[in-house]
Amino acid sequence: MCIVVDPPLFISIFKKSDSDYSNFSGLRDWVSNGPGKFVLGGSMYKQELSKIESVLNLLRNYERSGKTVSIEDSKVDKEVKAVKKLKKSKDFDDPHLAALVRASLCRIVATRDKRSHKHLTDSALYKKPCSKPKIYGGNRNNSILCNKHVASCCK
């Protein structure tokens, strides 16, 4: 099972000092102690992630532990271009998340950015075999962290 995480959210997942840390304990446990994995990839995604230096070492540890899945950057970058053509809203600044879903066939996106929810779940962005993702916004959504949402890249 895997999840695409909006890079700024890694602060709440990993940093105990973050005010939202406890709200993401279910996700943290699902990846740390369970079958969950973080899906990473694409130039735009990695660029956004690189701005959050405080979590990079922790992510490297997860990578060494086999708790990440890397999708080829060129594959995700190609999907970013396609998403931008389909979704020309100025209000949508996360095409890299939708692109990562499309490239990986991942079924869950974790984000606190409520503004992006309507865009990320727009079924016009996803064609079979990809389906629109479920949004994980905190522990209230722990029920979606289940075998039902396993993507083939995470098996």
Protein backbone atom coordinates (compact mmCIF):
# COMPACT_ATOMS: atom_id res chain seq x y z
CA MET A 1 0.00 0.00 0.00
CA CYS A 2 1.29 3.43 -0.75
CA ILE A 3 0.49 7.08 -0.47
CA VAL A 4 1.48 10.26 -2.27
CA VAL A 5 2.24 12.95 0.31
CA ASP A 6 2.16 16.66 -0.45
CA PRO A 7 5.76 17.57 0.53
CA PRO A 8 4.90 20.28 3.12
CA LEU A 9 2.87 17.67 5.00
CA PHE A 10 6.03 15.68 5.79
CA ILE A 11 6.71 18.29 8.49
CA SER A 12 3.50 17.32 10.30
CA ILE A 13 4.20 13.63 9.79
CA PHE A 14 7.77 13.70 11.13
CA LYS A 15 8.26 16.75 13.38
CA LYS A 16 7.02 16.29 16.94
CA SER A 17 7.15 20.06 17.43
CA ASP A 18 4.56 20.61 14.67
CA SER A 19 1.10 21.49 15.98
CA ASP A 20 -0.51 18.88 13.67
CA TYR A 21 1.92 16.04 14.50
CA SER A 22 -0.59 14.01 16.55
CA ASN A 23 -3.21 14.29 13.79
CA PHE A 24 -0.99 12.24 11.46
CA SER A 25 -0.05 9.45 13.88
CA GLY A 26 -2.16 6.94 11.94
CA LEU A 27 -0.32 7.62 8.70
CA ARG A 28 3.06 7.62 10.42
CA ASP A 29 2.30 4.27 12.09
CA TRP A 30 0.90 2.78 8.87
CA VAL A 31 4.19 3.50 7.09
CA SER A 32 6.63 3.02 9.99
CA ASN A 33 5.17 -0.17 11.46
CA GLY A 34 2.79 -1.43 8.79
CA PRO A 35 2.59 -2.08 5.07
CA GLY A 36 2.45 1.57 3.96
CA LYS A 37 5.02 3.24 1.70
CA PHE A 38 5.60 6.79 0.50
CA VAL A 39 5.50 7.30 -3.29
CA LEU A 40 8.08 9.79 -4.57
CA GLY A 41 9.07 11.03 -8.01
CA GLY A 42 9.15 13.76 -10.59
CA SER A 43 11.26 16.88 -10.91
CA MET A 44 8.58 19.24 -9.58
CA TYR A 45 7.84 16.97 -6.61
CA LYS A 46 11.51 16.57 -5.72
CA GLN A 47 12.11 20.29 -6.07
CA GLU A 48 9.31 21.03 -3.60
CA LEU A 49 10.60 18.30 -1.29
CA SER A 50 14.15 19.68 -1.37
CA LYS A 51 12.90 22.92 0.24
CA ILE A 52 12.05 20.97 3.38
CA GLU A 53 15.56 20.07 4.48
CA SER A 54 14.48 19.15 8.00
CA VAL A 55 12.78 15.95 6.78
CA LEU A 56 15.16 14.79 4.06
CA ASN A 57 17.29 12.61 6.33
CA LEU A 58 14.20 10.97 7.77
CA LEU A 59 12.94 10.22 4.26
CA ARG A 60 16.32 8.72 3.36
CA ASN A 61 15.97 6.41 6.36
CA TYR A 62 12.53 5.34 5.12
CA GLU A 63 14.04 4.75 1.68
CA ARG A 64 16.80 2.55 3.13
CA SER A 65 14.12 0.61 5.03
CA GLY A 66 12.18 -0.06 1.84
CA LYS A 67 9.35 2.25 2.88
CA THR A 68 9.40 4.40 -0.26
CA VAL A 69 8.58 3.70 -3.88
CA SER A 70 10.36 5.81 -6.49
CA ILE A 71 8.61 6.50 -9.76
CA GLU A 72 10.84 7.46 -12.67
CA ASP A 73 11.12 11.26 -12.86
CA SER A 74 10.66 11.40 -16.63
CA LYS A 75 7.42 9.40 -16.37
CA VAL A 76 6.03 11.75 -13.71
CA ASP A 77 7.26 14.86 -15.57
CA LYS A 78 5.40 13.70 -18.68
CA GLU A 79 2.24 13.32 -16.59
CA VAL A 80 2.71 16.83 -15.11
CA LYS A 81 2.53 18.25 -18.63
CA ALA A 82 -0.62 16.25 -19.35
CA VAL A 83 -2.28 17.35 -16.09
CA LYS A 84 -1.46 21.00 -16.78
CA LYS A 85 -3.16 20.71 -20.19
CA LEU A 86 -6.26 19.16 -18.65
CA LYS A 87 -6.45 21.48 -15.63
CA LYS A 88 -5.74 25.11 -16.38
CA SER A 89 -7.04 26.54 -13.11
CA LYS A 90 -4.88 29.19 -11.43
CA ASP A 91 -6.19 27.77 -8.18
CA PHE A 92 -4.45 24.42 -8.78
CA ASP A 93 -0.76 24.52 -7.91
CA ASP A 94 -0.26 20.79 -7.30
CA PRO A 95 -0.18 19.18 -10.75
CA HIS A 96 2.80 17.13 -9.57
CA LEU A 97 0.60 15.31 -7.06
CA ALA A 98 -1.99 14.34 -9.67
CA ALA A 99 0.85 13.40 -12.03
CA LEU A 100 2.41 11.15 -9.41
CA VAL A 101 -0.96 9.46 -8.90
CA ARG A 102 -1.28 8.95 -12.66
CA ALA A 103 2.27 7.61 -13.04
CA SER A 104 2.13 5.28 -10.03
CA LEU A 105 -1.56 4.36 -10.02
CA CYS A 106 -1.47 5.17 -6.31
CA ARG A 107 -4.94 5.57 -4.80
CA ILE A 108 -4.33 7.88 -1.82
CA VAL A 109 -3.00 11.45 -1.54
CA ALA A 110 -2.20 13.02 1.82
CA THR A 111 -2.56 16.78 1.94
CA ARG A 112 -3.81 19.53 4.23
CA ASP A 113 -4.38 21.85 1.30
CA LYS A 114 -8.19 21.82 1.16
CA ARG A 115 -8.08 24.07 -1.89
CA SER A 116 -6.46 21.27 -3.89
CA HIS A 117 -8.98 18.55 -2.94
CA LYS A 118 -11.49 19.41 -5.67
CA HIS A 119 -8.70 19.42 -8.26
CA LEU A 120 -6.97 16.24 -7.11
CA THR A 121 -10.26 14.34 -7.11
CA ASP A 122 -11.44 15.64 -10.48
CA SER A 123 -12.17 12.45 -12.40
CA ALA A 124 -11.35 14.23 -15.68
CA LEU A 125 -7.66 13.98 -14.70
CA TYR A 126 -7.69 10.19 -14.44
CA LYS A 127 -8.34 7.55 -17.06
CA LYS A 128 -8.31 3.80 -16.56
CA PRO A 129 -6.43 2.03 -15.20
CA CYS A 130 -5.90 5.04 -12.94
CA SER A 131 -8.74 6.23 -10.74
CA LYS A 132 -9.18 9.43 -8.78
CA PRO A 133 -7.48 9.20 -5.41
CA LYS A 134 -8.92 9.29 -1.92
CA ILE A 135 -7.71 12.25 0.16
CA TYR A 136 -6.08 11.60 3.51
CA GLY A 137 -6.26 14.69 5.70
CA GLY A 138 -5.46 13.23 9.09
CA ASN A 139 -6.45 10.51 11.55
CA ARG A 140 -10.15 10.96 10.76
CA ASN A 141 -9.32 9.29 7.41
CA ASN A 142 -7.41 6.30 8.83
CA SER A 143 -10.01 3.91 7.39
CA ILE A 144 -8.66 4.48 3.85
CA LEU A 145 -5.23 3.16 4.87
CA CYS A 146 -6.16 -0.40 3.97
CA ASN A 147 -5.45 -3.26 1.55
CA LYS A 148 -8.33 -2.15 -0.67
CA HIS A 149 -6.23 0.78 -1.86
CA VAL A 150 -3.04 -1.12 -2.75
CA ALA A 151 -1.42 0.15 -5.95
CA SER A 152 0.54 -2.26 -8.11
CA CYS A 153 3.77 -0.25 -7.62
CA CYS A 154 3.65 -1.04 -3.91
CA LYS A 155 3.13 -4.79 -4.06
